[in-house]
Protein backbone atom coordinates (compact mmCIF):
# COMPACT_ATOMS: atom_id res chain seq x y z
CA MET A 1 -47.44 -43.14 -131.82
CA SER A 2 -48.72 -44.41 -135.21
CA TYR A 3 -49.86 -42.13 -138.03
CA LEU A 4 -53.43 -43.29 -137.45
CA LYS A 5 -53.35 -41.48 -134.14
CA LEU A 6 -52.96 -38.14 -136.02
CA GLU A 7 -55.16 -38.95 -138.98
CA ILE A 8 -58.01 -36.81 -137.69
CA GLU A 9 -55.71 -33.91 -136.91
CA LYS A 10 -53.94 -34.13 -140.20
CA GLU A 11 -57.23 -34.13 -142.13
CA LEU A 12 -58.40 -31.04 -140.19
CA GLN A 13 -55.11 -29.36 -140.78
CA SER A 14 -55.54 -29.91 -144.49
CA GLN A 15 -58.82 -28.09 -144.30
CA GLY A 16 -57.00 -25.02 -142.92
CA TYR A 17 -57.46 -25.56 -139.17
CA LYS A 18 -54.30 -24.80 -137.27
CA TYR A 19 -55.10 -25.15 -133.61
CA ILE A 20 -56.98 -28.40 -132.99
CA CYS A 21 -58.10 -29.08 -129.45
CA GLY A 22 -58.82 -32.54 -128.03
CA VAL A 23 -61.18 -32.87 -125.05
CA ASP A 24 -61.70 -35.83 -122.76
CA GLU A 25 -62.64 -36.59 -119.14
CA SER A 26 -61.76 -38.84 -116.31
CA GLY A 27 -63.77 -40.11 -113.29
CA VAL A 28 -67.25 -39.31 -114.56
CA GLY A 29 -68.47 -42.69 -113.59
CA SER A 30 -66.85 -43.13 -110.20
CA PHE A 31 -68.62 -43.47 -106.84
CA ALA A 32 -66.26 -41.16 -105.03
CA GLY A 33 -64.09 -38.15 -105.73
CA GLY A 34 -64.51 -35.51 -108.33
CA PHE A 35 -63.97 -35.81 -112.06
CA THR A 36 -61.61 -34.04 -114.48
CA VAL A 37 -61.84 -32.69 -117.99
CA GLY A 38 -58.76 -32.12 -120.06
CA ALA A 39 -58.36 -29.90 -123.19
CA LEU A 40 -55.19 -29.64 -125.16
CA ILE A 41 -53.72 -28.40 -128.42
CA LEU A 42 -50.81 -30.58 -129.67
CA ASP A 43 -48.07 -28.98 -131.63
CA LEU A 44 -48.31 -31.15 -134.82
CA ALA A 45 -44.91 -29.93 -135.99
CA LYS A 46 -43.17 -31.73 -133.10
CA PRO A 47 -42.21 -35.43 -133.19
CA TYR A 48 -44.80 -38.11 -132.37
CA ILE A 49 -45.12 -39.31 -128.80
CA ASN A 50 -44.49 -43.06 -128.73
CA GLY A 51 -47.02 -44.94 -126.68
CA ILE A 52 -49.74 -42.32 -126.37
CA ASP A 53 -53.13 -44.10 -126.23
CA ASP A 54 -56.54 -44.14 -124.52
CA SER A 55 -55.63 -43.61 -120.86
CA LYS A 56 -57.86 -46.43 -119.69
CA LYS A 57 -55.52 -48.85 -121.54
CA LEU A 58 -52.37 -47.58 -119.93
CA THR A 59 -50.75 -48.54 -116.69
CA LYS A 60 -50.16 -46.05 -113.95
CA LYS A 61 -46.49 -46.05 -114.65
CA LYS A 62 -46.96 -45.48 -118.40
CA LYS A 63 -49.44 -42.64 -117.94
CA ARG A 64 -47.04 -40.77 -115.62
CA GLU A 65 -44.17 -41.34 -118.03
CA LEU A 66 -46.19 -39.88 -120.82
CA GLU A 67 -47.54 -36.88 -118.93
CA PRO A 68 -44.32 -34.76 -119.13
CA LEU A 69 -43.77 -35.81 -122.75
CA ILE A 70 -47.19 -34.69 -123.71
CA LYS A 71 -46.72 -31.34 -121.96
CA LYS A 72 -43.51 -30.83 -123.91
CA SER A 73 -45.38 -31.40 -127.19
CA LEU A 74 -48.21 -28.98 -126.47
CA ILE A 75 -49.14 -25.50 -127.67
CA ASP A 76 -51.55 -25.20 -124.73
CA TYR A 77 -53.55 -27.30 -122.29
CA SER A 78 -56.11 -26.95 -119.51
CA VAL A 79 -57.47 -29.45 -116.93
CA VAL A 80 -60.63 -28.60 -114.89
CA TYR A 81 -61.41 -30.50 -111.64
CA VAL A 82 -65.02 -30.69 -110.42
CA SER A 83 -65.12 -31.81 -106.85
CA ALA A 84 -67.51 -34.26 -105.14
CA LYS A 85 -68.71 -31.23 -103.09
CA GLU A 86 -69.73 -29.41 -106.21
CA ILE A 87 -71.40 -32.59 -107.59
CA ASN A 88 -73.43 -33.00 -104.34
CA GLU A 89 -74.37 -29.32 -104.06
CA ALA A 90 -75.65 -29.35 -107.66
CA TYR A 91 -77.63 -32.51 -106.96
CA ARG A 92 -79.20 -31.07 -103.83
CA LYS A 93 -80.16 -27.78 -105.65
CA ALA A 94 -81.76 -29.82 -108.45
CA GLU A 95 -83.72 -31.73 -105.79
CA GLY A 96 -82.30 -35.03 -106.73
CA GLN A 97 -82.59 -34.83 -110.49
CA THR A 98 -79.71 -36.71 -111.97
CA GLY A 99 -79.53 -34.36 -114.96
CA SER A 100 -77.66 -31.98 -112.79
CA PHE A 101 -74.56 -34.16 -113.07
CA ARG A 102 -74.68 -34.07 -116.87
CA ARG A 103 -74.91 -30.25 -116.78
CA LEU A 104 -71.85 -30.12 -114.53
CA HIS A 105 -69.97 -32.41 -116.94
CA LEU A 106 -70.88 -30.37 -119.98
CA ASN A 107 -70.01 -27.04 -118.26
CA ALA A 108 -66.64 -28.46 -117.20
CA MET A 109 -65.91 -29.35 -120.80
CA ARG A 110 -66.76 -25.80 -121.83
CA GLN A 111 -64.59 -24.32 -119.04
CA ALA A 112 -61.64 -26.47 -120.03
CA VAL A 113 -61.79 -25.16 -123.60
CA LEU A 114 -62.28 -21.55 -122.54
CA ASN A 115 -59.32 -21.80 -120.05
CA LEU A 116 -56.97 -22.23 -122.96
CA LYS A 117 -54.82 -19.21 -123.61
CA VAL A 118 -54.64 -20.14 -127.32
CA GLN A 119 -58.07 -20.29 -128.75
CA PRO A 120 -58.55 -23.38 -130.90
CA ASP A 121 -59.76 -23.36 -134.48
CA TYR A 122 -61.51 -26.72 -134.07
CA VAL A 123 -62.50 -28.94 -131.16
CA ILE A 124 -62.68 -32.78 -131.18
CA VAL A 125 -64.44 -34.39 -128.16
CA ASP A 126 -64.46 -37.96 -126.98
CA GLY A 127 -67.97 -39.44 -126.86
CA THR A 128 -71.40 -38.30 -128.06
CA TYR A 129 -71.68 -34.91 -126.36
CA LYS A 130 -70.32 -31.68 -127.88
CA VAL A 131 -69.02 -28.80 -125.82
CA PRO A 132 -71.98 -26.47 -125.14
CA ASN A 133 -72.14 -22.79 -125.81
CA ILE A 134 -69.03 -22.24 -127.87
CA THR A 135 -68.85 -20.88 -131.34
CA ILE A 136 -65.74 -22.96 -132.35
CA PRO A 137 -66.40 -25.64 -134.91
CA GLN A 138 -66.44 -29.09 -133.26
CA LYS A 139 -67.13 -32.77 -133.57
CA ALA A 140 -67.93 -35.47 -131.07
CA ILE A 141 -66.16 -38.77 -131.88
CA ILE A 142 -67.25 -42.01 -130.26
CA ARG A 143 -64.14 -43.81 -128.85
CA GLY A 144 -62.20 -40.69 -129.87
CA ASP A 145 -59.56 -41.48 -127.32
CA GLN A 146 -58.73 -44.56 -129.40
CA LYS A 147 -58.62 -42.57 -132.67
CA SER A 148 -57.04 -39.22 -131.92
CA ALA A 149 -53.77 -38.36 -130.33
CA SER A 150 -55.17 -35.03 -129.10
CA ILE A 151 -58.13 -36.62 -127.36
CA ALA A 152 -55.94 -39.41 -125.94
CA GLY A 153 -53.41 -36.77 -124.65
CA ALA A 154 -56.26 -34.90 -122.94
CA SER A 155 -57.48 -38.17 -121.49
CA ILE A 156 -54.07 -38.86 -119.99
CA LEU A 157 -53.60 -35.38 -118.45
CA ALA A 158 -57.10 -35.50 -117.03
CA ARG A 159 -56.66 -39.02 -115.55
CA VAL A 160 -53.17 -38.41 -114.07
CA LEU A 161 -54.47 -35.41 -112.18
CA ARG A 162 -57.55 -37.13 -110.90
CA GLU A 163 -55.56 -40.19 -109.84
CA ARG A 164 -53.15 -37.97 -107.75
CA VAL A 165 -56.17 -36.35 -105.97
CA MET A 166 -57.66 -39.76 -105.22
CA GLU A 167 -54.29 -40.99 -103.90
CA GLU A 168 -54.22 -38.05 -101.44
CA LEU A 169 -57.87 -38.70 -100.37
CA ALA A 170 -56.97 -42.36 -99.77
CA THR A 171 -54.72 -41.25 -96.94
CA LYS A 172 -57.40 -38.96 -95.51
CA TYR A 173 -60.32 -41.33 -94.89
CA GLU A 174 -59.84 -44.44 -92.70
CA GLY A 175 -61.16 -47.54 -94.43
CA TYR A 176 -60.86 -46.13 -97.87
CA SER A 177 -57.18 -46.69 -98.58
CA HIS A 178 -58.22 -48.80 -101.63
CA TRP A 179 -58.84 -45.47 -103.41
CA ASN A 180 -55.08 -45.59 -104.03
CA GLU A 181 -55.81 -48.35 -106.53
CA THR A 182 -59.52 -48.15 -107.40
CA TYR A 183 -59.68 -44.31 -107.56
CA GLY A 184 -63.26 -44.29 -106.24
CA TYR A 185 -64.81 -46.48 -108.89
CA CYS A 186 -67.25 -49.17 -107.85
CA SER A 187 -65.51 -52.25 -106.52
CA ILE A 188 -65.92 -54.96 -103.89
CA GLN A 189 -63.76 -52.87 -101.47
CA GLU A 190 -66.00 -49.90 -102.04
CA ILE A 191 -69.23 -51.87 -101.38
CA VAL A 192 -67.75 -53.35 -98.19
CA ALA A 193 -66.43 -50.00 -96.91
CA LEU A 194 -69.77 -48.31 -97.64
CA ASN A 195 -71.66 -50.96 -95.71
CA LYS A 196 -69.23 -50.84 -92.71
CA LEU A 197 -68.32 -47.23 -92.52
CA GLY A 198 -70.88 -45.24 -94.41
CA ALA A 199 -70.29 -42.60 -97.04
CA THR A 200 -67.60 -39.90 -96.73
CA PRO A 201 -67.94 -36.27 -97.97
CA GLU A 202 -66.12 -37.47 -101.10
CA HIS A 203 -68.95 -39.80 -102.09
CA ARG A 204 -71.44 -38.67 -104.72
CA ILE A 205 -74.99 -38.63 -103.30
CA CYS A 206 -76.54 -38.97 -106.73
CA PHE A 207 -74.53 -42.10 -107.48
CA ILE A 208 -75.15 -43.84 -104.17
CA GLU A 209 -78.77 -43.11 -103.81
CA ASN A 210 -79.75 -44.30 -107.26
CA THR A 211 -79.52 -47.75 -108.76
CA LEU A 212 -76.53 -48.14 -110.97
CA ASN A 213 -75.58 -50.99 -113.25
CA TYR A 214 -71.90 -51.63 -113.30
CA LYS A 215 -69.90 -54.70 -114.41
CA THR A 216 -69.76 -55.64 -110.71
CA GLY A 217 -73.58 -55.91 -110.43
CA LYS A 218 -76.45 -53.65 -109.50
CA ILE A 219 -76.29 -51.71 -106.24
CA ILE A 220 -79.23 -50.08 -104.47
CA LYS A 221 -79.69 -48.30 -101.16
CA ILE A 222 -81.76 -50.14 -98.56
CA ASP A 223 -82.36 -48.64 -95.14
CA GLY A 224 -79.25 -46.45 -95.36
CA LYS A 225 -77.06 -49.29 -96.54
CA LEU A 226 -76.04 -50.73 -99.83
CA LYS A 227 -76.79 -54.25 -100.87
CA MET A 228 -75.92 -56.35 -103.92
CA LYS A 229 -79.11 -56.72 -106.00
CA GLU A 230 -77.77 -59.28 -108.42
CA CYS A 231 -74.56 -61.12 -109.23
CA PRO A 232 -73.13 -60.80 -112.75
CA LYS A 233 -71.73 -64.25 -112.76
CA THR A 234 -73.47 -67.16 -114.43
CA LYS A 235 -72.33 -69.85 -112.07
CA CYS A 236 -72.30 -70.32 -108.30
CA PRO A 237 -70.45 -70.06 -106.10
CA CYS A 238 -69.03 -66.72 -107.10
CA GLU A 239 -66.90 -63.87 -105.58
CA TYR A 240 -70.03 -62.13 -104.43
CA ILE A 241 -71.31 -65.09 -102.53
CA LYS A 242 -67.87 -65.32 -100.83
CA TYR A 243 -67.86 -61.65 -99.86
CA ALA A 244 -71.49 -61.81 -98.76
CA ARG A 245 -70.64 -64.54 -96.30
CA GLU A 246 -67.60 -62.62 -94.99
CA TYR A 247 -69.30 -59.23 -94.67
CA ASN A 248 -72.98 -60.21 -94.29
CA LEU A 249 -74.11 -58.53 -97.44
CA GLU A 250 -77.28 -59.42 -99.29
CA VAL A 251 -76.67 -61.10 -102.69
CA GLY A 252 -79.15 -62.18 -105.33
CA CYS A 253 -77.85 -64.52 -107.95
CA PRO A 254 -79.36 -64.55 -111.47
CA ASN A 255 -79.79 -68.33 -111.47
CA GLY A 256 -81.65 -68.25 -108.19
CA LYS A 257 -79.25 -70.38 -106.10
CA GLN A 258 -78.60 -67.62 -103.66
CA ASN A 259 -81.23 -65.07 -103.08
CA THR A 260 -81.34 -64.43 -99.38
CA ARG A 261 -78.95 -63.01 -96.69
CA ILE A 262 -76.26 -65.69 -96.06
């Protein structure tokens, strides 16, 4: 771990803050499964942890190698898991308003901090949202998991726990074994499974029923099924055309070469 990874913590330490808490989440953008929020306080007196980084950049093997090392270098940590059931219940109670998900996310951030046995002096959060309803000084840092070892550590602990949950769920639902690799995020396998098998109790209603824009294209619900609204590629044929032929999905291509069921 380079010195840059502790630059923010060292600066706060020089201002008199002793217990600096990093906060980050995993799985907020997935189609299926819950999401996790991690909060941790690193012991800055202990040796650096080589290899700690934004969890999205790390291999599964590397994350799981780092997990016990991070836990040995902690003063305290907490990981909160919000299930798909909780997400769906909140969405129903809010009568379909997508803001219910953001409230769940923010409340989970707050709970992760409050669950710490050692109260932090300062909180640093990945992203643009601060932890709500706490009196502790804090700062939201865009791409914080690439700038702070504390935030990156929270990211790793949160992601490892969530991945283990999704691996267990992959064995529970027939046709969704790909969760062992995709962890419930939008993918070709997910689109195909949803069209063929329908949603499981682990799918998020608010994500499936609303139009989402992912790197894999836009997805909308039509007559109880999902269809590809547009292909993100600039040339034809592309992978979506191939999968559309195989699984009889609807695909619209941005250059107009394919815009009907094929």
